[in-house]
Amino acid sequence: MPKLSKQFYLEITVEQFLNSCSYLELQELDLLLEGYLRKARHTDLINEYKKKNKSLEAKEKQ
């Protein structure tokens, strides 16, 4: 039996996606995003701290 393979292009807006989610799915999405944002913020704080330490060390050497 021959197989047919077809590629589709479907565009879904963020609003459409969120409107189709159940309350539980929205809660799961919120937890995932919160974790990602917390991790990104933590990484930013670490990088900022490292930059400050490097500049302080450079000043101390002068």
N, C-alpha and C. Protein backbone atom coordinates (compact mmCIF):
# COMPACT_ATOMS: atom_id res chain seq x y z
N MET A 1 0.86 -1.18 0.00
CA MET A 1 0.00 0.00 0.00
C MET A 1 0.90 1.24 0.00
N PRO A 2 0.71 2.15 -0.91
CA PRO A 2 1.54 3.37 -0.94
C PRO A 2 1.22 4.29 0.24
N LYS A 3 2.24 4.97 0.68
CA LYS A 3 2.06 5.91 1.78
C LYS A 3 2.14 7.33 1.25
N LEU A 4 1.25 8.16 1.73
CA LEU A 4 1.26 9.57 1.36
C LEU A 4 1.85 10.36 2.51
N SER A 5 2.70 11.24 2.16
CA SER A 5 3.33 12.08 3.18
C SER A 5 3.16 13.53 2.74
N LYS A 6 2.62 14.34 3.62
CA LYS A 6 2.38 15.72 3.26
C LYS A 6 2.79 16.62 4.42
N GLN A 7 3.40 17.72 4.08
CA GLN A 7 3.82 18.66 5.10
C GLN A 7 2.78 19.78 5.19
N PHE A 8 2.42 20.14 6.43
CA PHE A 8 1.44 21.18 6.64
C PHE A 8 2.07 22.35 7.36
N TYR A 9 1.55 23.51 7.12
CA TYR A 9 1.97 24.71 7.82
C TYR A 9 0.74 25.25 8.55
N LEU A 10 0.83 25.31 9.85
CA LEU A 10 -0.28 25.76 10.67
C LEU A 10 0.23 26.85 11.60
N GLU A 11 -0.39 27.99 11.52
CA GLU A 11 0.02 29.11 12.36
C GLU A 11 -1.01 29.30 13.47
N ILE A 12 -0.51 29.27 14.70
CA ILE A 12 -1.38 29.45 15.87
C ILE A 12 -0.81 30.60 16.68
N THR A 13 -1.65 31.54 16.99
CA THR A 13 -1.19 32.66 17.80
C THR A 13 -1.10 32.24 19.26
N VAL A 14 -0.39 33.02 20.02
CA VAL A 14 -0.27 32.75 21.45
C VAL A 14 -1.64 32.79 22.10
N GLU A 15 -2.42 33.76 21.72
CA GLU A 15 -3.77 33.89 22.28
C GLU A 15 -4.62 32.66 21.99
N GLN A 16 -4.55 32.16 20.76
CA GLN A 16 -5.31 30.96 20.40
C GLN A 16 -4.84 29.76 21.21
N PHE A 17 -3.53 29.64 21.37
CA PHE A 17 -2.99 28.53 22.15
C PHE A 17 -3.46 28.59 23.59
N LEU A 18 -3.35 29.76 24.21
CA LEU A 18 -3.75 29.90 25.61
C LEU A 18 -5.26 29.71 25.78
N ASN A 19 -6.03 30.18 24.83
CA ASN A 19 -7.48 30.00 24.92
C ASN A 19 -7.89 28.54 24.81
N SER A 20 -7.08 27.74 24.15
CA SER A 20 -7.43 26.32 24.00
C SER A 20 -6.93 25.47 25.17
N CYS A 21 -6.13 26.04 26.04
CA CYS A 21 -5.60 25.28 27.19
C CYS A 21 -6.64 25.19 28.30
N SER A 22 -6.62 24.07 29.01
CA SER A 22 -7.48 23.93 30.19
C SER A 22 -6.81 24.67 31.35
N TYR A 23 -7.55 24.80 32.43
CA TYR A 23 -7.02 25.48 33.61
C TYR A 23 -5.78 24.76 34.13
N LEU A 24 -5.81 23.44 34.15
CA LEU A 24 -4.67 22.66 34.62
C LEU A 24 -3.45 22.86 33.71
N GLU A 25 -3.68 22.88 32.41
CA GLU A 25 -2.58 23.11 31.47
C GLU A 25 -1.99 24.51 31.65
N LEU A 26 -2.84 25.48 31.93
CA LEU A 26 -2.35 26.84 32.18
C LEU A 26 -1.50 26.88 33.45
N GLN A 27 -1.91 26.14 34.47
CA GLN A 27 -1.11 26.08 35.69
C GLN A 27 0.25 25.44 35.43
N GLU A 28 0.27 24.37 34.64
CA GLU A 28 1.53 23.71 34.29
C GLU A 28 2.43 24.67 33.50
N LEU A 29 1.84 25.38 32.57
CA LEU A 29 2.58 26.34 31.77
C LEU A 29 3.16 27.44 32.66
N ASP A 30 2.37 27.90 33.61
CA ASP A 30 2.83 28.92 34.54
C ASP A 30 4.03 28.42 35.35
N LEU A 31 3.97 27.18 35.82
CA LEU A 31 5.09 26.62 36.58
C LEU A 31 6.35 26.51 35.73
N LEU A 32 6.19 26.07 34.49
CA LEU A 32 7.34 25.96 33.59
C LEU A 32 7.97 27.32 33.30
N LEU A 33 7.13 28.29 33.00
CA LEU A 33 7.64 29.63 32.72
C LEU A 33 8.29 30.26 33.95
N GLU A 34 7.67 30.07 35.09
CA GLU A 34 8.21 30.62 36.33
C GLU A 34 9.59 30.05 36.62
N GLY A 35 9.74 28.75 36.42
CA GLY A 35 11.04 28.11 36.64
C GLY A 35 12.08 28.63 35.66
N TYR A 36 11.69 28.78 34.41
CA TYR A 36 12.62 29.29 33.40
C TYR A 36 13.03 30.72 33.73
N LEU A 37 12.06 31.56 34.07
CA LEU A 37 12.36 32.96 34.37
C LEU A 37 13.23 33.09 35.63
N ARG A 38 12.96 32.25 36.62
CA ARG A 38 13.76 32.27 37.85
C ARG A 38 15.21 31.88 37.55
N LYS A 39 15.36 30.85 36.72
CA LYS A 39 16.70 30.39 36.35
C LYS A 39 17.44 31.47 35.55
N ALA A 40 16.75 32.10 34.61
CA ALA A 40 17.36 33.16 33.81
C ALA A 40 17.76 34.34 34.69
N ARG A 41 16.92 34.70 35.62
CA ARG A 41 17.23 35.82 36.52
C ARG A 41 18.42 35.46 37.41
N HIS A 42 18.47 34.23 37.88
CA HIS A 42 19.58 33.77 38.71
C HIS A 42 20.89 33.84 37.92
N THR A 43 20.86 33.41 36.67
CA THR A 43 22.04 33.45 35.81
C THR A 43 22.49 34.90 35.60
N ASP A 44 21.53 35.80 35.37
CA ASP A 44 21.86 37.21 35.20
C ASP A 44 22.52 37.78 36.45
N LEU A 45 22.00 37.42 37.62
CA LEU A 45 22.57 37.91 38.86
C LEU A 45 23.99 37.40 39.07
N ILE A 46 24.22 36.14 38.72
CA ILE A 46 25.56 35.56 38.84
C ILE A 46 26.53 36.29 37.90
N ASN A 47 26.13 36.51 36.67
CA ASN A 47 26.99 37.21 35.70
C ASN A 47 27.28 38.63 36.15
N GLU A 48 26.28 39.30 36.69
CA GLU A 48 26.45 40.66 37.19
C GLU A 48 27.44 40.67 38.35
N TYR A 49 27.33 39.70 39.24
CA TYR A 49 28.24 39.59 40.38
C TYR A 49 29.67 39.36 39.90
N LYS A 50 29.84 38.49 38.91
CA LYS A 50 31.17 38.20 38.38
C LYS A 50 31.79 39.44 37.76
N LYS A 51 31.00 40.21 37.03
CA LYS A 51 31.51 41.43 36.41
C LYS A 51 31.96 42.43 37.46
N LYS A 52 31.18 42.56 38.52
CA LYS A 52 31.54 43.50 39.59
C LYS A 52 32.83 43.05 40.27
N ASN A 53 32.97 41.75 40.50
CA ASN A 53 34.18 41.24 41.13
C ASN A 53 35.40 41.48 40.25
N LYS A 54 35.26 41.28 38.95
CA LYS A 54 36.38 41.51 38.03
C LYS A 54 36.80 42.98 38.05
N SER A 55 35.83 43.87 38.05
CA SER A 55 36.17 45.30 38.05
C SER A 55 36.80 45.70 39.38
N LEU A 56 36.35 45.10 40.49
CA LEU A 56 36.96 45.41 41.78
C LEU A 56 38.39 44.88 41.85
N GLU A 57 38.62 43.70 41.30
CA GLU A 57 39.96 43.13 41.29
C GLU A 57 40.89 43.99 40.44
N ALA A 58 40.39 44.48 39.33
CA ALA A 58 41.21 45.33 38.45
C ALA A 58 41.56 46.63 39.16
N LYS A 59 40.64 47.21 39.91
CA LYS A 59 40.92 48.43 40.65
C LYS A 59 41.93 48.19 41.75
N GLU A 60 41.84 47.04 42.41
CA GLU A 60 42.77 46.71 43.49
C GLU A 60 44.18 46.54 42.96
N LYS A 61 44.33 46.02 41.76
CA LYS A 61 45.65 45.80 41.17
C LYS A 61 46.33 47.11 40.78
N GLN A 62 45.54 48.12 40.53
CA GLN A 62 46.11 49.43 40.11
C GLN A 62 46.67 50.11 41.28
